[in-house]
Amino acid sequence: MAQYLILIYEDEASYASAPPQVFQEVMDAHNRFSEQVGELGGTLVGGNALQDTNTATSIRDDVVTDGPFVETKEVLGGYYLIDAKDLDHALEISKLCPARFGGVEVRPVMVFE
């Protein structure tokens, strides 16, 4: 099995203006996703939601800036680390990952031995 990182990109403004039941629906969908990974033969190694971008600090060269860069439209909202047979298997699993106001990106994790 290889490891893949599922990066969840979201639009924070959409969550901020959504009613509380939408947030609950999204959390329920993430709980279901966690179960579905195993049902598809993968393993959920870990994952977490990230705090809002107003808590971020960006570093470019030696310049430290509070918050994300102005041109950022979608932000990284969270991630899952999974074990999957191959990229096709990781993509099959990732298609079930809830991202109500955005999308997901799948990247193989480099393993150094």
N, C-alpha and C. Protein backbone atom coordinates (compact mmCIF):
# COMPACT_ATOMS: atom_id res chain seq x y z
N MET A 1 0.84 -1.19 0.00
CA MET A 1 0.00 0.00 0.00
C MET A 1 0.89 1.25 0.00
N ALA A 2 0.46 2.24 -0.72
CA ALA A 2 1.14 3.54 -0.78
C ALA A 2 0.30 4.56 -0.03
N GLN A 3 0.91 5.65 0.39
CA GLN A 3 0.17 6.69 1.08
C GLN A 3 -0.13 7.84 0.13
N TYR A 4 -1.32 8.40 0.30
CA TYR A 4 -1.78 9.54 -0.49
C TYR A 4 -2.39 10.56 0.46
N LEU A 5 -2.16 11.82 0.15
CA LEU A 5 -2.74 12.91 0.92
C LEU A 5 -3.89 13.49 0.12
N ILE A 6 -5.05 13.54 0.73
CA ILE A 6 -6.23 14.16 0.13
C ILE A 6 -6.34 15.55 0.73
N LEU A 7 -6.09 16.56 -0.08
CA LEU A 7 -6.14 17.95 0.38
C LEU A 7 -7.52 18.51 0.05
N ILE A 8 -8.18 19.06 1.03
CA ILE A 8 -9.55 19.56 0.87
C ILE A 8 -9.50 21.09 0.78
N TYR A 9 -9.90 21.60 -0.38
CA TYR A 9 -9.93 23.05 -0.61
C TYR A 9 -11.37 23.52 -0.48
N GLU A 10 -11.55 24.59 0.28
CA GLU A 10 -12.89 25.11 0.55
C GLU A 10 -12.92 26.62 0.37
N ASP A 11 -14.11 27.13 0.26
CA ASP A 11 -14.36 28.56 0.22
C ASP A 11 -14.89 28.96 1.59
N GLU A 12 -14.05 29.61 2.39
CA GLU A 12 -14.44 29.97 3.75
C GLU A 12 -15.69 30.84 3.80
N ALA A 13 -15.85 31.74 2.85
CA ALA A 13 -16.99 32.66 2.85
C ALA A 13 -18.30 31.88 2.74
N SER A 14 -18.30 30.79 1.98
CA SER A 14 -19.51 29.99 1.84
C SER A 14 -19.90 29.35 3.17
N TYR A 15 -18.92 28.87 3.91
CA TYR A 15 -19.22 28.30 5.23
C TYR A 15 -19.71 29.38 6.19
N ALA A 16 -19.10 30.55 6.13
CA ALA A 16 -19.47 31.63 7.05
C ALA A 16 -20.92 32.06 6.87
N SER A 17 -21.41 31.99 5.64
CA SER A 17 -22.78 32.43 5.38
C SER A 17 -23.79 31.28 5.37
N ALA A 18 -23.32 30.05 5.54
CA ALA A 18 -24.23 28.89 5.52
C ALA A 18 -24.92 28.73 6.88
N PRO A 19 -26.15 28.23 6.87
CA PRO A 19 -26.83 27.98 8.14
C PRO A 19 -26.16 26.82 8.90
N PRO A 20 -26.35 26.77 10.22
CA PRO A 20 -25.69 25.73 11.04
C PRO A 20 -25.96 24.30 10.57
N GLN A 21 -27.13 24.04 10.01
CA GLN A 21 -27.42 22.66 9.58
C GLN A 21 -26.53 22.23 8.43
N VAL A 22 -26.05 23.18 7.62
CA VAL A 22 -25.12 22.84 6.52
C VAL A 22 -23.81 22.36 7.12
N PHE A 23 -23.31 23.06 8.13
CA PHE A 23 -22.08 22.63 8.78
C PHE A 23 -22.24 21.23 9.36
N GLN A 24 -23.39 20.95 9.97
CA GLN A 24 -23.64 19.62 10.54
C GLN A 24 -23.70 18.57 9.44
N GLU A 25 -24.32 18.90 8.31
CA GLU A 25 -24.37 17.96 7.18
C GLU A 25 -22.97 17.64 6.68
N VAL A 26 -22.11 18.64 6.63
CA VAL A 26 -20.73 18.43 6.18
C VAL A 26 -19.99 17.53 7.17
N MET A 27 -20.14 17.78 8.45
CA MET A 27 -19.48 16.95 9.46
C MET A 27 -19.97 15.50 9.38
N ASP A 28 -21.28 15.32 9.19
CA ASP A 28 -21.84 13.97 9.03
C ASP A 28 -21.25 13.29 7.79
N ALA A 29 -21.09 14.06 6.72
CA ALA A 29 -20.51 13.50 5.49
C ALA A 29 -19.06 13.08 5.71
N HIS A 30 -18.30 13.85 6.48
CA HIS A 30 -16.91 13.47 6.77
C HIS A 30 -16.87 12.21 7.63
N ASN A 31 -17.78 12.08 8.56
CA ASN A 31 -17.84 10.85 9.37
C ASN A 31 -18.15 9.65 8.49
N ARG A 32 -19.07 9.80 7.54
CA ARG A 32 -19.38 8.70 6.61
C ARG A 32 -18.17 8.39 5.74
N PHE A 33 -17.47 9.42 5.27
CA PHE A 33 -16.29 9.21 4.44
C PHE A 33 -15.26 8.36 5.18
N SER A 34 -15.05 8.65 6.44
CA SER A 34 -14.09 7.88 7.24
C SER A 34 -14.42 6.40 7.22
N GLU A 35 -15.69 6.06 7.28
CA GLU A 35 -16.13 4.66 7.22
C GLU A 35 -15.96 4.10 5.81
N GLN A 36 -16.25 4.90 4.79
CA GLN A 36 -16.19 4.43 3.40
C GLN A 36 -14.78 4.09 2.95
N VAL A 37 -13.78 4.75 3.51
CA VAL A 37 -12.39 4.45 3.15
C VAL A 37 -12.11 2.98 3.38
N GLY A 38 -12.48 2.48 4.56
CA GLY A 38 -12.28 1.07 4.89
C GLY A 38 -13.12 0.15 4.03
N GLU A 39 -14.34 0.56 3.74
CA GLU A 39 -15.22 -0.25 2.90
C GLU A 39 -14.64 -0.43 1.50
N LEU A 40 -13.84 0.55 1.03
CA LEU A 40 -13.23 0.48 -0.30
C LEU A 40 -11.85 -0.19 -0.26
N GLY A 41 -11.45 -0.72 0.89
CA GLY A 41 -10.18 -1.42 0.99
C GLY A 41 -8.99 -0.55 1.29
N GLY A 42 -9.23 0.72 1.63
CA GLY A 42 -8.14 1.61 2.01
C GLY A 42 -8.07 1.72 3.52
N THR A 43 -7.09 2.47 3.99
CA THR A 43 -6.93 2.71 5.42
C THR A 43 -6.81 4.20 5.66
N LEU A 44 -7.61 4.72 6.57
CA LEU A 44 -7.50 6.12 6.95
C LEU A 44 -6.40 6.21 8.01
N VAL A 45 -5.30 6.85 7.67
CA VAL A 45 -4.15 6.96 8.56
C VAL A 45 -4.33 8.14 9.50
N GLY A 46 -4.89 9.24 8.99
CA GLY A 46 -5.10 10.42 9.82
C GLY A 46 -5.76 11.51 9.02
N GLY A 47 -6.08 12.60 9.69
CA GLY A 47 -6.69 13.74 9.03
C GLY A 47 -7.23 14.72 10.04
N ASN A 48 -7.33 15.95 9.61
CA ASN A 48 -7.85 17.00 10.47
C ASN A 48 -8.37 18.15 9.63
N ALA A 49 -9.28 18.90 10.22
CA ALA A 49 -9.69 20.18 9.64
C ALA A 49 -8.65 21.21 10.07
N LEU A 50 -8.54 22.27 9.30
CA LEU A 50 -7.62 23.35 9.65
C LEU A 50 -8.42 24.57 10.10
N GLN A 51 -7.81 25.39 10.94
CA GLN A 51 -8.46 26.62 11.37
C GLN A 51 -8.55 27.59 10.20
N ASP A 52 -9.38 28.62 10.35
CA ASP A 52 -9.58 29.62 9.30
C ASP A 52 -8.26 30.27 8.89
N THR A 53 -8.25 30.82 7.69
CA THR A 53 -7.04 31.46 7.18
C THR A 53 -6.62 32.68 7.99
N ASN A 54 -7.53 33.26 8.75
CA ASN A 54 -7.13 34.42 9.55
C ASN A 54 -6.16 34.02 10.67
N THR A 55 -5.97 32.72 10.88
CA THR A 55 -4.99 32.25 11.86
C THR A 55 -3.66 31.90 11.19
N ALA A 56 -3.60 32.00 9.86
CA ALA A 56 -2.42 31.58 9.10
C ALA A 56 -1.33 32.63 9.12
N THR A 57 -0.10 32.17 9.00
CA THR A 57 1.04 33.04 8.80
C THR A 57 1.79 32.50 7.59
N SER A 58 2.04 33.34 6.61
CA SER A 58 2.71 32.93 5.38
C SER A 58 4.14 33.43 5.37
N ILE A 59 5.04 32.61 4.83
CA ILE A 59 6.44 33.00 4.72
C ILE A 59 6.86 32.83 3.26
N ARG A 60 7.34 33.89 2.64
CA ARG A 60 7.91 33.87 1.30
C ARG A 60 9.27 34.50 1.40
N ASP A 61 10.28 33.77 1.02
CA ASP A 61 11.66 34.21 1.22
C ASP A 61 11.83 34.49 2.71
N ASP A 62 12.19 35.69 3.10
CA ASP A 62 12.35 36.02 4.52
C ASP A 62 11.24 36.92 5.03
N VAL A 63 10.15 37.07 4.25
CA VAL A 63 9.06 37.96 4.62
C VAL A 63 7.94 37.15 5.27
N VAL A 64 7.57 37.54 6.48
CA VAL A 64 6.50 36.88 7.21
C VAL A 64 5.26 37.77 7.15
N THR A 65 4.12 37.19 6.75
CA THR A 65 2.89 37.95 6.59
C THR A 65 1.77 37.23 7.33
N ASP A 66 0.97 37.99 8.09
CA ASP A 66 -0.20 37.38 8.72
C ASP A 66 -1.24 37.07 7.65
N GLY A 67 -1.83 35.90 7.74
CA GLY A 67 -2.89 35.52 6.83
C GLY A 67 -2.39 35.04 5.48
N PRO A 68 -3.31 34.57 4.65
CA PRO A 68 -2.93 34.05 3.33
C PRO A 68 -2.67 35.21 2.36
N PHE A 69 -2.13 34.89 1.23
CA PHE A 69 -1.89 35.90 0.22
C PHE A 69 -3.22 36.37 -0.37
N VAL A 70 -3.26 37.62 -0.80
CA VAL A 70 -4.48 38.24 -1.31
C VAL A 70 -5.08 37.46 -2.46
N GLU A 71 -4.26 36.89 -3.34
CA GLU A 71 -4.79 36.21 -4.52
C GLU A 71 -5.43 34.86 -4.22
N THR A 72 -5.39 34.42 -2.98
CA THR A 72 -5.97 33.12 -2.63
C THR A 72 -7.50 33.18 -2.73
N LYS A 73 -8.07 32.32 -3.55
CA LYS A 73 -9.53 32.26 -3.70
C LYS A 73 -10.09 31.09 -2.89
N GLU A 74 -9.45 29.94 -3.00
CA GLU A 74 -9.85 28.78 -2.20
C GLU A 74 -8.72 28.53 -1.22
N VAL A 75 -9.05 27.99 -0.08
CA VAL A 75 -8.05 27.76 0.94
C VAL A 75 -8.04 26.29 1.34
N LEU A 76 -6.91 25.84 1.82
CA LEU A 76 -6.80 24.48 2.31
C LEU A 76 -7.57 24.40 3.62
N GLY A 77 -8.61 23.60 3.62
CA GLY A 77 -9.48 23.51 4.79
C GLY A 77 -9.22 22.31 5.67
N GLY A 78 -8.53 21.30 5.13
CA GLY A 78 -8.24 20.10 5.90
C GLY A 78 -7.60 19.05 5.02
N TYR A 79 -7.36 17.90 5.60
CA TYR A 79 -6.70 16.84 4.85
C TYR A 79 -7.03 15.48 5.45
N TYR A 80 -6.83 14.46 4.64
CA TYR A 80 -6.84 13.07 5.07
C TYR A 80 -5.58 12.42 4.55
N LEU A 81 -4.97 11.57 5.32
CA LEU A 81 -3.85 10.74 4.88
C LEU A 81 -4.37 9.32 4.81
N ILE A 82 -4.28 8.72 3.63
CA ILE A 82 -4.81 7.36 3.45
C ILE A 82 -3.74 6.43 2.91
N ASP A 83 -3.93 5.15 3.15
CA ASP A 83 -3.19 4.08 2.49
C ASP A 83 -4.09 3.55 1.39
N ALA A 84 -3.56 3.45 0.18
CA ALA A 84 -4.33 2.92 -0.95
C ALA A 84 -3.39 2.07 -1.81
N LYS A 85 -3.99 1.17 -2.59
CA LYS A 85 -3.19 0.25 -3.43
C LYS A 85 -2.36 0.99 -4.46
N ASP A 86 -2.96 2.00 -5.08
CA ASP A 86 -2.29 2.77 -6.12
C ASP A 86 -3.07 4.06 -6.33
N LEU A 87 -2.63 4.87 -7.29
CA LEU A 87 -3.29 6.16 -7.52
C LEU A 87 -4.75 5.98 -7.91
N ASP A 88 -5.06 5.01 -8.76
CA ASP A 88 -6.46 4.79 -9.15
C ASP A 88 -7.32 4.48 -7.94
N HIS A 89 -6.80 3.68 -7.02
CA HIS A 89 -7.53 3.35 -5.79
C HIS A 89 -7.71 4.60 -4.93
N ALA A 90 -6.65 5.42 -4.82
CA ALA A 90 -6.73 6.66 -4.04
C ALA A 90 -7.76 7.61 -4.64
N LEU A 91 -7.82 7.68 -5.98
CA LEU A 91 -8.81 8.55 -6.62
C LEU A 91 -10.23 8.05 -6.39
N GLU A 92 -10.41 6.74 -6.42
CA GLU A 92 -11.74 6.15 -6.14
C GLU A 92 -12.20 6.55 -4.74
N ILE A 93 -11.30 6.46 -3.78
CA ILE A 93 -11.62 6.85 -2.41
C ILE A 93 -11.88 8.36 -2.33
N SER A 94 -11.02 9.14 -2.97
CA SER A 94 -11.10 10.60 -2.89
C SER A 94 -12.37 11.17 -3.48
N LYS A 95 -12.95 10.49 -4.46
CA LYS A 95 -14.20 10.96 -5.06
C LYS A 95 -15.33 11.02 -4.04
N LEU A 96 -15.20 10.27 -2.95
CA LEU A 96 -16.23 10.25 -1.92
C LEU A 96 -15.98 11.30 -0.83
N CYS A 97 -14.83 11.95 -0.87
CA CYS A 97 -14.48 12.93 0.16
C CYS A 97 -15.36 14.17 0.03
N PRO A 98 -16.07 14.53 1.09
CA PRO A 98 -16.95 15.70 0.99
C PRO A 98 -16.16 17.00 0.94
N ALA A 99 -16.48 17.81 -0.03
CA ALA A 99 -15.93 19.16 -0.15
C ALA A 99 -17.06 20.02 -0.70
N ARG A 100 -17.96 20.38 0.16
CA ARG A 100 -19.21 21.03 -0.25
C ARG A 100 -18.99 22.33 -1.02
N PHE A 101 -18.02 23.12 -0.59
CA PHE A 101 -17.80 24.42 -1.22
C PHE A 101 -16.43 24.49 -1.90
N GLY A 102 -15.95 23.39 -2.41
CA GLY A 102 -14.63 23.39 -3.04
C GLY A 102 -14.35 22.06 -3.71
N GLY A 103 -13.13 21.62 -3.65
CA GLY A 103 -12.74 20.37 -4.27
C GLY A 103 -11.60 19.73 -3.49
N VAL A 104 -11.11 18.62 -4.00
CA VAL A 104 -10.01 17.94 -3.36
C VAL A 104 -8.86 17.75 -4.36
N GLU A 105 -7.69 17.60 -3.82
CA GLU A 105 -6.48 17.31 -4.60
C GLU A 105 -5.86 16.06 -3.98
N VAL A 106 -5.37 15.16 -4.80
CA VAL A 106 -4.76 13.93 -4.32
C VAL A 106 -3.27 13.95 -4.69
N ARG A 107 -2.42 13.73 -3.68
CA ARG A 107 -0.98 13.70 -3.94
C ARG A 107 -0.36 12.48 -3.28
N PRO A 108 0.50 11.78 -4.02
CA PRO A 108 1.25 10.69 -3.42
C PRO A 108 2.21 11.26 -2.36
N VAL A 109 2.40 10.52 -1.30
CA VAL A 109 3.33 10.92 -0.24
C VAL A 109 4.67 10.27 -0.54
N MET A 110 5.73 11.05 -0.50
CA MET A 110 7.07 10.51 -0.73
C MET A 110 7.55 9.82 0.55
N VAL A 111 8.05 8.63 0.38
CA VAL A 111 8.56 7.85 1.50
C VAL A 111 10.07 7.73 1.35
N PHE A 112 10.80 8.20 2.33
CA PHE A 112 12.26 8.11 2.31
C PHE A 112 12.68 6.99 3.25
N GLU A 113 13.45 6.10 2.72
CA GLU A 113 13.93 4.98 3.56
C GLU A 113 15.42 4.97 3.67
